Amino acid sequence: MTDHPHHLYSAWEDAIKGLDEAVDAFRTAVGGMAGDLEDKDVAVLANEVSKRKKAAYEAWETYVNAAGFGRI
């Protein structure tokens, strides 16, 4: 049995925290002052959420594959 890749799990946790922060920033900006935002500002925030979501998924995939739980 291989050693558990704790460092990869930690990387996934960090990616999830980054995603949470990006989502919170998006919600705050859009919910708090939607009338003051331009479409490009919303697009930038939405793109950041998308990038963070992709990074979190990739970190999870790397962790699961390395931990021997199966292939994603």
PDB file of N, CA and C in Angstrom:
ATOM      1  N   MET A   1       0.847  -1.178   0.000  1.00  0.00           N
ATOM      2  CA  MET A   1       0.000   0.000   0.000  1.00  0.00           C
ATOM      3  C   MET A   1       0.900   1.251   0.000  1.00  0.00           C
ATOM      4  N   THR A   2       0.513   2.231  -0.738  1.00  0.00           N
ATOM      5  CA  THR A   2       1.313   3.451  -0.834  1.00  0.00           C
ATOM      6  C   THR A   2       1.001   4.386   0.332  1.00  0.00           C
ATOM      7  N   ASP A   3       1.931   5.279   0.599  1.00  0.00           N
ATOM      8  CA  ASP A   3       1.702   6.289   1.628  1.00  0.00           C
ATOM      9  C   ASP A   3       0.609   7.243   1.161  1.00  0.00           C
ATOM     10  N   HIS A   4      -0.160   7.691   2.140  1.00  0.00           N
ATOM     11  CA  HIS A   4      -1.227   8.633   1.828  1.00  0.00           C
ATOM     12  C   HIS A   4      -0.609   9.983   1.439  1.00  0.00           C
ATOM     13  N   PRO A   5      -1.025  10.546   0.302  1.00  0.00           N
ATOM     14  CA  PRO A   5      -0.435  11.810  -0.174  1.00  0.00           C
ATOM     15  C   PRO A   5      -1.073  13.033   0.516  1.00  0.00           C
ATOM     16  N   HIS A   6      -0.713  13.235   1.788  1.00  0.00           N
ATOM     17  CA  HIS A   6      -1.297  14.334   2.567  1.00  0.00           C
ATOM     18  C   HIS A   6      -1.060  15.695   1.911  1.00  0.00           C
ATOM     19  N   HIS A   7       0.103  15.862   1.300  1.00  0.00           N
ATOM     20  CA  HIS A   7       0.409  17.148   0.669  1.00  0.00           C
ATOM     21  C   HIS A   7      -0.552  17.449  -0.485  1.00  0.00           C
ATOM     22  N   LEU A   8      -0.994  16.410  -1.178  1.00  0.00           N
ATOM     23  CA  LEU A   8      -1.956  16.622  -2.270  1.00  0.00           C
ATOM     24  C   LEU A   8      -3.340  16.948  -1.723  1.00  0.00           C
ATOM     25  N   TYR A   9      -3.691  16.338  -0.592  1.00  0.00           N
ATOM     26  CA  TYR A   9      -4.970  16.660   0.035  1.00  0.00           C
ATOM     27  C   TYR A   9      -4.952  18.116   0.510  1.00  0.00           C
ATOM     28  N   SER A  10      -3.839  18.536   1.072  1.00  0.00           N
ATOM     29  CA  SER A  10      -3.701  19.923   1.521  1.00  0.00           C
ATOM     30  C   SER A  10      -3.789  20.891   0.342  1.00  0.00           C
ATOM     31  N   ALA A  11      -3.213  20.510  -0.785  1.00  0.00           N
ATOM     32  CA  ALA A  11      -3.293  21.355  -1.983  1.00  0.00           C
ATOM     33  C   ALA A  11      -4.743  21.486  -2.443  1.00  0.00           C
ATOM     34  N   TRP A  12      -5.493  20.383  -2.335  1.00  0.00           N
ATOM     35  CA  TRP A  12      -6.907  20.437  -2.701  1.00  0.00           C
ATOM     36  C   TRP A  12      -7.666  21.351  -1.739  1.00  0.00           C
ATOM     37  N   GLU A  13      -7.397  21.223  -0.446  1.00  0.00           N
ATOM     38  CA  GLU A  13      -8.061  22.095   0.528  1.00  0.00           C
ATOM     39  C   GLU A  13      -7.776  23.566   0.232  1.00  0.00           C
ATOM     40  N   ASP A  14      -6.541  23.875  -0.102  1.00  0.00           N
ATOM     41  CA  ASP A  14      -6.180  25.253  -0.441  1.00  0.00           C
ATOM     42  C   ASP A  14      -6.926  25.724  -1.685  1.00  0.00           C
ATOM     43  N   ALA A  15      -7.073  24.847  -2.663  1.00  0.00           N
ATOM     44  CA  ALA A  15      -7.796  25.202  -3.889  1.00  0.00           C
ATOM     45  C   ALA A  15      -9.267  25.467  -3.590  1.00  0.00           C
ATOM     46  N   ILE A  16      -9.850  24.672  -2.696  1.00  0.00           N
ATOM     47  CA  ILE A  16     -11.250  24.880  -2.315  1.00  0.00           C
ATOM     48  C   ILE A  16     -11.408  26.208  -1.583  1.00  0.00           C
ATOM     49  N   LYS A  17     -10.471  26.538  -0.717  1.00  0.00           N
ATOM     50  CA  LYS A  17     -10.523  27.835  -0.025  1.00  0.00           C
ATOM     51  C   LYS A  17     -10.448  28.975  -1.029  1.00  0.00           C
ATOM     52  N   GLY A  18      -9.578  28.841  -2.027  1.00  0.00           N
ATOM     53  CA  GLY A  18      -9.486  29.861  -3.069  1.00  0.00           C
ATOM     54  C   GLY A  18     -10.779  29.995  -3.853  1.00  0.00           C
ATOM     55  N   LEU A  19     -11.415  28.865  -4.126  1.00  0.00           N
ATOM     56  CA  LEU A  19     -12.700  28.886  -4.820  1.00  0.00           C
ATOM     57  C   LEU A  19     -13.754  29.570  -3.960  1.00  0.00           C
ATOM     58  N   ASP A  20     -13.806  29.235  -2.691  1.00  0.00           N
ATOM     59  CA  ASP A  20     -14.769  29.864  -1.778  1.00  0.00           C
ATOM     60  C   ASP A  20     -14.582  31.378  -1.736  1.00  0.00           C
ATOM     61  N   GLU A  21     -13.325  31.814  -1.676  1.00  0.00           N
ATOM     62  CA  GLU A  21     -13.046  33.247  -1.644  1.00  0.00           C
ATOM     63  C   GLU A  21     -13.491  33.937  -2.930  1.00  0.00           C
ATOM     64  N   ALA A  22     -13.249  33.294  -4.067  1.00  0.00           N
ATOM     65  CA  ALA A  22     -13.655  33.872  -5.351  1.00  0.00           C
ATOM     66  C   ALA A  22     -15.170  33.954  -5.463  1.00  0.00           C
ATOM     67  N   VAL A  23     -15.864  32.919  -4.993  1.00  0.00           N
ATOM     68  CA  VAL A  23     -17.334  32.917  -5.018  1.00  0.00           C
ATOM     69  C   VAL A  23     -17.871  34.003  -4.087  1.00  0.00           C
ATOM     70  N   ASP A  24     -17.292  34.117  -2.897  1.00  0.00           N
ATOM     71  CA  ASP A  24     -17.739  35.154  -1.964  1.00  0.00           C
ATOM     72  C   ASP A  24     -17.543  36.546  -2.549  1.00  0.00           C
ATOM     73  N   ALA A  25     -16.404  36.771  -3.192  1.00  0.00           N
ATOM     74  CA  ALA A  25     -16.147  38.073  -3.813  1.00  0.00           C
ATOM     75  C   ALA A  25     -17.162  38.355  -4.911  1.00  0.00           C
ATOM     76  N   PHE A  26     -17.476  37.334  -5.696  1.00  0.00           N
ATOM     77  CA  PHE A  26     -18.456  37.487  -6.768  1.00  0.00           C
ATOM     78  C   PHE A  26     -19.830  37.818  -6.196  1.00  0.00           C
ATOM     79  N   ARG A  27     -20.248  37.062  -5.202  1.00  0.00           N
ATOM     80  CA  ARG A  27     -21.564  37.299  -4.585  1.00  0.00           C
ATOM     81  C   ARG A  27     -21.648  38.671  -3.939  1.00  0.00           C
ATOM     82  N   THR A  28     -20.599  39.070  -3.262  1.00  0.00           N
ATOM     83  CA  THR A  28     -20.582  40.380  -2.618  1.00  0.00           C
ATOM     84  C   THR A  28     -20.697  41.489  -3.651  1.00  0.00           C
ATOM     85  N   ALA A  29     -19.915  41.383  -4.704  1.00  0.00           N
ATOM     86  CA  ALA A  29     -19.922  42.421  -5.732  1.00  0.00           C
ATOM     87  C   ALA A  29     -21.254  42.488  -6.459  1.00  0.00           C
ATOM     88  N   VAL A  30     -21.771  41.345  -6.837  1.00  0.00           N
ATOM     89  CA  VAL A  30     -23.005  41.320  -7.622  1.00  0.00           C
ATOM     90  C   VAL A  30     -24.213  41.607  -6.738  1.00  0.00           C
ATOM     91  N   GLY A  31     -24.238  41.045  -5.548  1.00  0.00           N
ATOM     92  CA  GLY A  31     -25.374  41.240  -4.661  1.00  0.00           C
ATOM     93  C   GLY A  31     -25.406  42.590  -3.988  1.00  0.00           C
ATOM     94  N   GLY A  32     -24.233  43.129  -3.675  1.00  0.00           N
ATOM     95  CA  GLY A  32     -24.171  44.369  -2.926  1.00  0.00           C
ATOM     96  C   GLY A  32     -24.357  45.615  -3.756  1.00  0.00           C
ATOM     97  N   MET A  33     -23.871  45.587  -4.984  1.00  0.00           N
ATOM     98  CA  MET A  33     -23.931  46.805  -5.793  1.00  0.00           C
ATOM     99  C   MET A  33     -24.053  46.470  -7.271  1.00  0.00           C
ATOM    100  N   ALA A  34     -25.000  45.640  -7.572  1.00  0.00           N
ATOM    101  CA  ALA A  34     -25.147  45.175  -8.948  1.00  0.00           C
ATOM    102  C   ALA A  34     -25.303  46.321  -9.938  1.00  0.00           C
ATOM    103  N   GLY A  35     -25.964  47.370  -9.548  1.00  0.00           N
ATOM    104  CA  GLY A  35     -26.174  48.494 -10.452  1.00  0.00           C
ATOM    105  C   GLY A  35     -24.901  49.261 -10.760  1.00  0.00           C
ATOM    106  N   ASP A  36     -23.911  49.141  -9.888  1.00  0.00           N
ATOM    107  CA  ASP A  36     -22.661  49.874 -10.066  1.00  0.00           C
ATOM    108  C   ASP A  36     -21.623  49.117 -10.879  1.00  0.00           C
ATOM    109  N   LEU A  37     -21.876  47.858 -11.149  1.00  0.00           N
ATOM    110  CA  LEU A  37     -20.902  47.041 -11.875  1.00  0.00           C
ATOM    111  C   LEU A  37     -21.161  47.084 -13.375  1.00  0.00           C
ATOM    112  N   GLU A  38     -20.082  47.103 -14.117  1.00  0.00           N
ATOM    113  CA  GLU A  38     -20.195  46.980 -15.560  1.00  0.00           C
ATOM    114  C   GLU A  38     -20.116  45.502 -15.922  1.00  0.00           C
ATOM    115  N   ASP A  39     -20.599  45.160 -17.090  1.00  0.00           N
ATOM    116  CA  ASP A  39     -20.578  43.765 -17.526  1.00  0.00           C
ATOM    117  C   ASP A  39     -19.172  43.179 -17.505  1.00  0.00           C
ATOM    118  N   LYS A  40     -18.178  43.981 -17.859  1.00  0.00           N
ATOM    119  CA  LYS A  40     -16.806  43.465 -17.882  1.00  0.00           C
ATOM    120  C   LYS A  40     -16.329  43.121 -16.472  1.00  0.00           C
ATOM    121  N   ASP A  41     -16.775  43.879 -15.462  1.00  0.00           N
ATOM    122  CA  ASP A  41     -16.394  43.582 -14.086  1.00  0.00           C
ATOM    123  C   ASP A  41     -16.986  42.249 -13.630  1.00  0.00           C
ATOM    124  N   VAL A  42     -18.241  42.032 -13.961  1.00  0.00           N
ATOM    125  CA  VAL A  42     -18.904  40.773 -13.622  1.00  0.00           C
ATOM    126  C   VAL A  42     -18.222  39.622 -14.353  1.00  0.00           C
ATOM    127  N   ALA A  43     -17.860  39.836 -15.604  1.00  0.00           N
ATOM    128  CA  ALA A  43     -17.195  38.793 -16.377  1.00  0.00           C
ATOM    129  C   ALA A  43     -15.840  38.438 -15.763  1.00  0.00           C
ATOM    130  N   VAL A  44     -15.102  39.409 -15.288  1.00  0.00           N
ATOM    131  CA  VAL A  44     -13.805  39.154 -14.655  1.00  0.00           C
ATOM    132  C   VAL A  44     -14.001  38.324 -13.393  1.00  0.00           C
ATOM    133  N   LEU A  45     -14.977  38.696 -12.575  1.00  0.00           N
ATOM    134  CA  LEU A  45     -15.242  37.950 -11.348  1.00  0.00           C
ATOM    135  C   LEU A  45     -15.710  36.530 -11.654  1.00  0.00           C
ATOM    136  N   ALA A  46     -16.589  36.390 -12.644  1.00  0.00           N
ATOM    137  CA  ALA A  46     -17.075  35.062 -13.021  1.00  0.00           C
ATOM    138  C   ALA A  46     -15.937  34.205 -13.568  1.00  0.00           C
ATOM    139  N   ASN A  47     -15.030  34.807 -14.318  1.00  0.00           N
ATOM    140  CA  ASN A  47     -13.885  34.081 -14.855  1.00  0.00           C
ATOM    141  C   ASN A  47     -12.980  33.603 -13.721  1.00  0.00           C
ATOM    142  N   GLU A  48     -12.813  34.409 -12.708  1.00  0.00           N
ATOM    143  CA  GLU A  48     -11.986  34.022 -11.564  1.00  0.00           C
ATOM    144  C   GLU A  48     -12.607  32.818 -10.848  1.00  0.00           C
ATOM    145  N   VAL A  49     -13.922  32.830 -10.687  1.00  0.00           N
ATOM    146  CA  VAL A  49     -14.613  31.689 -10.077  1.00  0.00           C
ATOM    147  C   VAL A  49     -14.385  30.436 -10.932  1.00  0.00           C
ATOM    148  N   SER A  50     -14.508  30.583 -12.220  1.00  0.00           N
ATOM    149  CA  SER A  50     -14.327  29.454 -13.127  1.00  0.00           C
ATOM    150  C   SER A  50     -12.911  28.884 -13.033  1.00  0.00           C
ATOM    151  N   LYS A  51     -11.906  29.765 -13.011  1.00  0.00           N
ATOM    152  CA  LYS A  51     -10.516  29.313 -12.902  1.00  0.00           C
ATOM    153  C   LYS A  51     -10.284  28.593 -11.585  1.00  0.00           C
ATOM    154  N   ARG A  52     -10.849  29.128 -10.493  1.00  0.00           N
ATOM    155  CA  ARG A  52     -10.661  28.502  -9.180  1.00  0.00           C
ATOM    156  C   ARG A  52     -11.367  27.151  -9.108  1.00  0.00           C
ATOM    157  N   LYS A  53     -12.529  27.054  -9.748  1.00  0.00           N
ATOM    158  CA  LYS A  53     -13.253  25.782  -9.766  1.00  0.00           C
ATOM    159  C   LYS A  53     -12.442  24.725 -10.510  1.00  0.00           C
ATOM    160  N   LYS A  54     -11.867  25.101 -11.647  1.00  0.00           N
ATOM    161  CA  LYS A  54     -11.045  24.176 -12.429  1.00  0.00           C
ATOM    162  C   LYS A  54      -9.825  23.736 -11.619  1.00  0.00           C
ATOM    163  N   ALA A  55      -9.181  24.687 -10.929  1.00  0.00           N
ATOM    164  CA  ALA A  55      -8.002  24.359 -10.126  1.00  0.00           C
ATOM    165  C   ALA A  55      -8.363  23.407  -8.987  1.00  0.00           C
ATOM    166  N   ALA A  56      -9.520  23.623  -8.368  1.00  0.00           N
ATOM    167  CA  ALA A  56      -9.958  22.743  -7.273  1.00  0.00           C
ATOM    168  C   ALA A  56     -10.232  21.339  -7.797  1.00  0.00           C
ATOM    169  N   TYR A  57     -10.880  21.241  -8.944  1.00  0.00           N
ATOM    170  CA  TYR A  57     -11.153  19.920  -9.527  1.00  0.00           C
ATOM    171  C   TYR A  57      -9.856  19.203  -9.861  1.00  0.00           C
ATOM    172  N   GLU A  58      -8.924  19.917 -10.474  1.00  0.00           N
ATOM    173  CA  GLU A  58      -7.654  19.293 -10.851  1.00  0.00           C
ATOM    174  C   GLU A  58      -6.867  18.843  -9.627  1.00  0.00           C
ATOM    175  N   ALA A  59      -6.916  19.624  -8.555  1.00  0.00           N
ATOM    176  CA  ALA A  59      -6.233  19.232  -7.318  1.00  0.00           C
ATOM    177  C   ALA A  59      -6.876  17.987  -6.724  1.00  0.00           C
ATOM    178  N   TRP A  60      -8.208  17.917  -6.756  1.00  0.00           N
ATOM    179  CA  TRP A  60      -8.915  16.740  -6.250  1.00  0.00           C
ATOM    180  C   TRP A  60      -8.583  15.510  -7.098  1.00  0.00           C
ATOM    181  N   GLU A  61      -8.580  15.675  -8.391  1.00  0.00           N
ATOM    182  CA  GLU A  61      -8.267  14.577  -9.298  1.00  0.00           C
ATOM    183  C   GLU A  61      -6.851  14.048  -9.037  1.00  0.00           C
ATOM    184  N   THR A  62      -5.908  14.942  -8.872  1.00  0.00           N
ATOM    185  CA  THR A  62      -4.526  14.546  -8.592  1.00  0.00           C
ATOM    186  C   THR A  62      -4.435  13.788  -7.280  1.00  0.00           C
ATOM    187  N   TYR A  63      -5.127  14.296  -6.258  1.00  0.00           N
ATOM    188  CA  TYR A  63      -5.123  13.630  -4.948  1.00  0.00           C
ATOM    189  C   TYR A  63      -5.726  12.242  -5.023  1.00  0.00           C
ATOM    190  N   VAL A  64      -6.900  12.114  -5.620  1.00  0.00           N
ATOM    191  CA  VAL A  64      -7.593  10.820  -5.684  1.00  0.00           C
ATOM    192  C   VAL A  64      -6.762   9.803  -6.466  1.00  0.00           C
ATOM    193  N   ASN A  65      -6.205  10.234  -7.577  1.00  0.00           N
ATOM    194  CA  ASN A  65      -5.396   9.329  -8.388  1.00  0.00           C
ATOM    195  C   ASN A  65      -4.135   8.893  -7.634  1.00  0.00           C
ATOM    196  N   ALA A  66      -3.495   9.817  -6.937  1.00  0.00           N
ATOM    197  CA  ALA A  66      -2.271   9.484  -6.210  1.00  0.00           C
ATOM    198  C   ALA A  66      -2.549   8.632  -4.971  1.00  0.00           C
ATOM    199  N   ALA A  67      -3.728   8.814  -4.372  1.00  0.00           N
ATOM    200  CA  ALA A  67      -4.061   8.078  -3.148  1.00  0.00           C
ATOM    201  C   ALA A  67      -4.452   6.641  -3.443  1.00  0.00           C
ATOM    202  N   GLY A  68      -4.672   6.320  -4.707  1.00  0.00           N
ATOM    203  CA  GLY A  68      -5.024   4.948  -5.066  1.00  0.00           C
ATOM    204  C   GLY A  68      -6.496   4.638  -4.885  1.00  0.00           C
ATOM    205  N   PHE A  69      -7.332   5.663  -4.836  1.00  0.00           N
ATOM    206  CA  PHE A  69      -8.768   5.448  -4.699  1.00  0.00           C
ATOM    207  C   PHE A  69      -9.432   5.132  -6.032  1.00  0.00           C
ATOM    208  N   GLY A  70      -8.665   5.091  -7.076  1.00  0.00           N
ATOM    209  CA  GLY A  70      -9.210   4.880  -8.417  1.00  0.00           C
ATOM    210  C   GLY A  70      -8.820   6.047  -9.300  1.00  0.00           C
ATOM    211  N   ARG A  71      -9.112   5.927 -10.540  1.00  0.00           N
ATOM    212  CA  ARG A  71      -8.770   6.975 -11.492  1.00  0.00           C
ATOM    213  C   ARG A  71      -9.994   7.819 -11.785  1.00  0.00           C
ATOM    214  N   ILE A  72      -9.776   9.105 -11.876  1.00  0.00           N
ATOM    215  CA  ILE A  72     -10.854  10.015 -12.269  1.00  0.00           C
ATOM    216  C   ILE A  72     -10.620  10.395 -13.710  1.00  0.00           C
TER     217      ILE A  72
END
